[in-house]
């Protein structure tokens, strides 16, 4: 700033923490018995079976095996996807405060699998207000982004009220 300037200095970005989420835990995560029960239910619900069912063992290639083989060479056939209004680019890291039920379930299911925890991010102009807008449906002739960023969850912190704080990094376009 120049001497005598009235402009304020640039502000640093701050992490904003939500204090209450409608429909969340009424005891704010303080009920240990409830937390243990929720954790057990979450583990049983989100458990991933690595076994191939006997009915599929006779097939030369199962969808599970094909997906696993493709991932070994860098082709990801079945990734969960998020659609937020923010741009997430390769090589950038950001912290996510995940509190929406659909995204909490998506990430819990992802975290129940072995690492690396990969997902796709597609930018959605206007954010959640356009999720039900037909112009932004995920189809070739829509206004929706059909290309995005391959993301990886680097670190996880489960909050007492069932939110997730995630450190994510963009890997590639």
Protein backbone atom coordinates (compact mmCIF):
# COMPACT_ATOMS: atom_id res chain seq x y z
CA UNK A 1 0.00 0.00 0.00
CA UNK A 2 1.18 3.47 -0.74
CA UNK A 3 1.42 6.09 2.01
CA UNK A 4 -1.90 7.79 2.56
CA UNK A 5 -3.81 5.00 0.81
CA UNK A 6 -7.21 4.17 2.29
CA UNK A 7 -7.44 0.69 0.77
CA UNK A 8 -7.37 -2.15 3.27
CA UNK A 9 -4.66 -4.81 3.01
CA UNK A 10 -5.59 -8.13 1.38
CA UNK A 11 -7.13 -10.62 3.79
CA UNK A 12 -5.94 -14.16 4.22
CA UNK A 13 -8.46 -16.90 3.50
CA UNK A 14 -9.97 -18.46 6.59
CA UNK A 15 -11.43 -21.94 7.03
CA UNK A 16 -15.07 -21.46 7.99
CA UNK A 17 -16.47 -24.15 10.27
CA UNK A 18 -20.16 -24.86 10.34
CA UNK A 19 -21.49 -25.06 13.89
CA UNK A 20 -24.85 -26.72 13.29
CA UNK A 21 -26.18 -28.82 10.47
CA UNK A 22 -29.95 -29.42 10.32
CA UNK A 23 -30.77 -33.08 10.86
CA UNK A 24 -27.40 -33.81 12.47
CA UNK A 25 -26.55 -35.40 15.78
CA UNK A 26 -28.69 -33.83 18.51
CA UNK A 27 -26.07 -34.50 21.18
CA UNK A 28 -23.25 -32.99 19.09
CA UNK A 29 -21.28 -36.23 19.12
CA UNK A 30 -21.07 -36.45 22.93
CA UNK A 31 -23.03 -39.72 23.29
CA UNK A 32 -20.28 -42.39 23.25
CA UNK A 33 -22.74 -45.30 23.10
CA UNK A 34 -24.51 -43.80 20.08
CA UNK A 35 -21.19 -43.06 18.38
CA UNK A 36 -20.03 -46.68 18.86
CA UNK A 37 -23.31 -48.03 17.48
CA UNK A 38 -23.12 -45.70 14.46
CA UNK A 39 -19.53 -46.74 13.83
CA UNK A 40 -20.46 -50.45 13.89
CA UNK A 41 -23.42 -49.88 11.55
CA UNK A 42 -21.26 -47.81 9.20
CA UNK A 43 -18.57 -50.52 9.05
CA UNK A 44 -21.09 -53.29 8.34
CA UNK A 45 -22.99 -51.22 5.76
CA UNK A 46 -19.91 -50.02 3.92
CA UNK A 47 -17.90 -53.26 4.04
CA UNK A 48 -16.41 -54.17 0.68
CA UNK A 49 -16.21 -57.81 -0.28
CA UNK A 50 -13.14 -58.78 -2.29
CA UNK A 51 -14.54 -62.27 -2.97
CA UNK A 52 -15.91 -63.13 -6.38
CA UNK A 53 -19.29 -64.91 -6.01
CA UNK A 54 -19.21 -68.62 -6.98
CA UNK A 55 -21.66 -67.96 -9.83
CA UNK A 56 -19.14 -65.57 -11.43
CA UNK A 57 -16.04 -67.74 -11.00
CA UNK A 58 -16.82 -69.58 -14.25
CA UNK A 59 -16.84 -66.36 -16.27
CA UNK A 60 -13.55 -65.40 -17.95
CA UNK A 61 -13.78 -61.74 -16.85
CA UNK A 62 -16.10 -60.31 -14.22
CA UNK A 63 -16.90 -56.58 -13.98
CA UNK A 64 -15.07 -56.44 -10.62
CA UNK A 65 -11.95 -58.04 -12.08
CA UNK A 66 -12.08 -55.88 -15.23
CA UNK A 67 -12.36 -52.70 -13.15
CA UNK A 68 -9.46 -53.77 -10.92
CA UNK A 69 -7.27 -54.66 -13.94
CA UNK A 70 -8.04 -51.37 -15.70
CA UNK A 71 -7.12 -49.37 -12.58
CA UNK A 72 -3.70 -51.06 -12.52
CA UNK A 73 -2.87 -49.39 -15.84
CA UNK A 74 -4.38 -46.02 -14.94
CA UNK A 75 -7.85 -46.40 -16.45
CA UNK A 76 -10.60 -45.85 -13.88
CA UNK A 77 -13.89 -47.34 -15.05
CA UNK A 78 -16.05 -46.76 -11.99
CA UNK A 79 -15.31 -43.73 -9.82
CA UNK A 80 -17.62 -41.87 -7.48
CA UNK A 81 -18.19 -38.30 -8.64
CA UNK A 82 -18.79 -35.03 -6.85
CA UNK A 83 -20.33 -31.94 -8.44
CA UNK A 84 -19.56 -28.72 -6.61
CA UNK A 85 -19.33 -25.15 -7.86
CA UNK A 86 -15.65 -24.80 -6.93
CA UNK A 87 -12.87 -25.52 -9.41
CA UNK A 88 -10.48 -28.24 -8.33
CA UNK A 89 -7.42 -28.49 -10.52
CA UNK A 90 -4.56 -30.98 -10.80
CA UNK A 91 -1.76 -30.53 -8.25
CA UNK A 92 -3.89 -28.33 -5.97
CA UNK A 93 -4.81 -29.34 -2.43
CA UNK A 94 -7.89 -28.22 -0.58
CA UNK A 95 -9.76 -29.02 2.62
CA UNK A 96 -13.37 -30.16 2.28
CA UNK A 97 -15.98 -29.93 5.02
CA UNK A 98 -18.38 -32.70 3.95
CA UNK A 99 -21.75 -32.41 5.68
CA UNK A 100 -24.32 -33.11 2.96
CA UNK A 101 -25.77 -36.61 3.54
CA UNK A 102 -25.28 -37.79 -0.06
CA UNK A 103 -21.62 -36.77 -0.09
CA UNK A 104 -20.98 -38.06 3.44
CA UNK A 105 -22.25 -41.48 2.31
CA UNK A 106 -20.22 -41.28 -0.92
CA UNK A 107 -16.99 -40.57 0.96
CA UNK A 108 -17.69 -43.10 3.74
CA UNK A 109 -18.17 -45.77 1.07
CA UNK A 110 -14.96 -44.65 -0.63
CA UNK A 111 -12.99 -44.66 2.65
CA UNK A 112 -14.21 -48.20 3.44
CA UNK A 113 -12.21 -49.43 0.44
CA UNK A 114 -8.45 -49.91 0.30
CA UNK A 115 -6.34 -46.90 -0.70
CA UNK A 116 -5.82 -45.04 -2.95
CA UNK A 117 -9.13 -43.22 -2.36
CA UNK A 118 -9.84 -41.76 -5.79
CA UNK A 119 -12.90 -39.90 -7.05
CA UNK A 120 -13.84 -37.58 -9.90
CA UNK A 121 -14.73 -33.93 -9.43
CA UNK A 122 -16.91 -32.20 -12.05
CA UNK A 123 -17.48 -28.48 -11.67
CA UNK A 124 -21.17 -27.57 -11.52
CA UNK A 125 -21.83 -23.88 -12.30
CA UNK A 126 -24.22 -22.49 -9.72
CA UNK A 127 -23.58 -25.34 -7.30
CA UNK A 128 -26.36 -27.36 -5.74
CA UNK A 129 -29.12 -25.13 -7.10
CA UNK A 130 -28.41 -26.67 -10.53
CA UNK A 131 -28.32 -30.33 -9.44
CA UNK A 132 -31.95 -30.82 -10.48
CA UNK A 133 -31.74 -28.47 -13.46
CA UNK A 134 -32.25 -30.47 -16.71
CA UNK A 135 -29.72 -28.21 -18.47
CA UNK A 136 -26.98 -29.64 -16.20
CA UNK A 137 -27.81 -33.35 -16.40
CA UNK A 138 -24.79 -35.56 -17.09
CA UNK A 139 -25.39 -36.19 -20.78
CA UNK A 140 -23.45 -35.16 -23.91
CA UNK A 141 -25.86 -32.45 -25.10
CA UNK A 142 -26.20 -30.65 -21.75
CA UNK A 143 -24.41 -27.65 -20.26
CA UNK A 144 -22.81 -29.87 -17.61
CA UNK A 145 -19.07 -30.43 -17.45
CA UNK A 146 -18.39 -33.96 -18.66
CA UNK A 147 -14.65 -33.75 -18.01
CA UNK A 148 -13.22 -33.10 -14.60
CA UNK A 149 -10.34 -33.70 -12.26
CA UNK A 150 -9.17 -37.01 -10.84
CA UNK A 151 -8.95 -36.39 -7.09
CA UNK A 152 -7.37 -38.32 -4.21
CA UNK A 153 -8.29 -38.18 -0.55
CA UNK A 154 -4.99 -37.58 1.25
CA UNK A 155 -6.14 -37.32 4.88
CA UNK A 156 -9.39 -37.81 6.78
CA UNK A 157 -10.74 -36.49 10.05
CA UNK A 158 -14.12 -37.75 11.22
CA UNK A 159 -15.90 -35.11 13.27
CA UNK A 160 -18.05 -35.92 16.33
CA UNK A 161 -21.23 -34.81 14.53
CA UNK A 162 -20.63 -37.24 11.58
CA UNK A 163 -19.13 -34.63 9.25
CA UNK A 164 -15.93 -35.44 7.43
CA UNK A 165 -12.99 -33.10 7.06
CA UNK A 166 -10.96 -34.24 4.07
CA UNK A 167 -7.67 -33.10 2.64
CA UNK A 168 -7.89 -33.79 -1.11
CA UNK A 169 -5.47 -33.30 -3.97
CA UNK A 170 -6.06 -33.05 -7.70
CA UNK A 171 -4.07 -35.63 -9.64
CA UNK A 172 -4.96 -35.21 -13.31
CA UNK A 173 -7.56 -33.92 -15.78
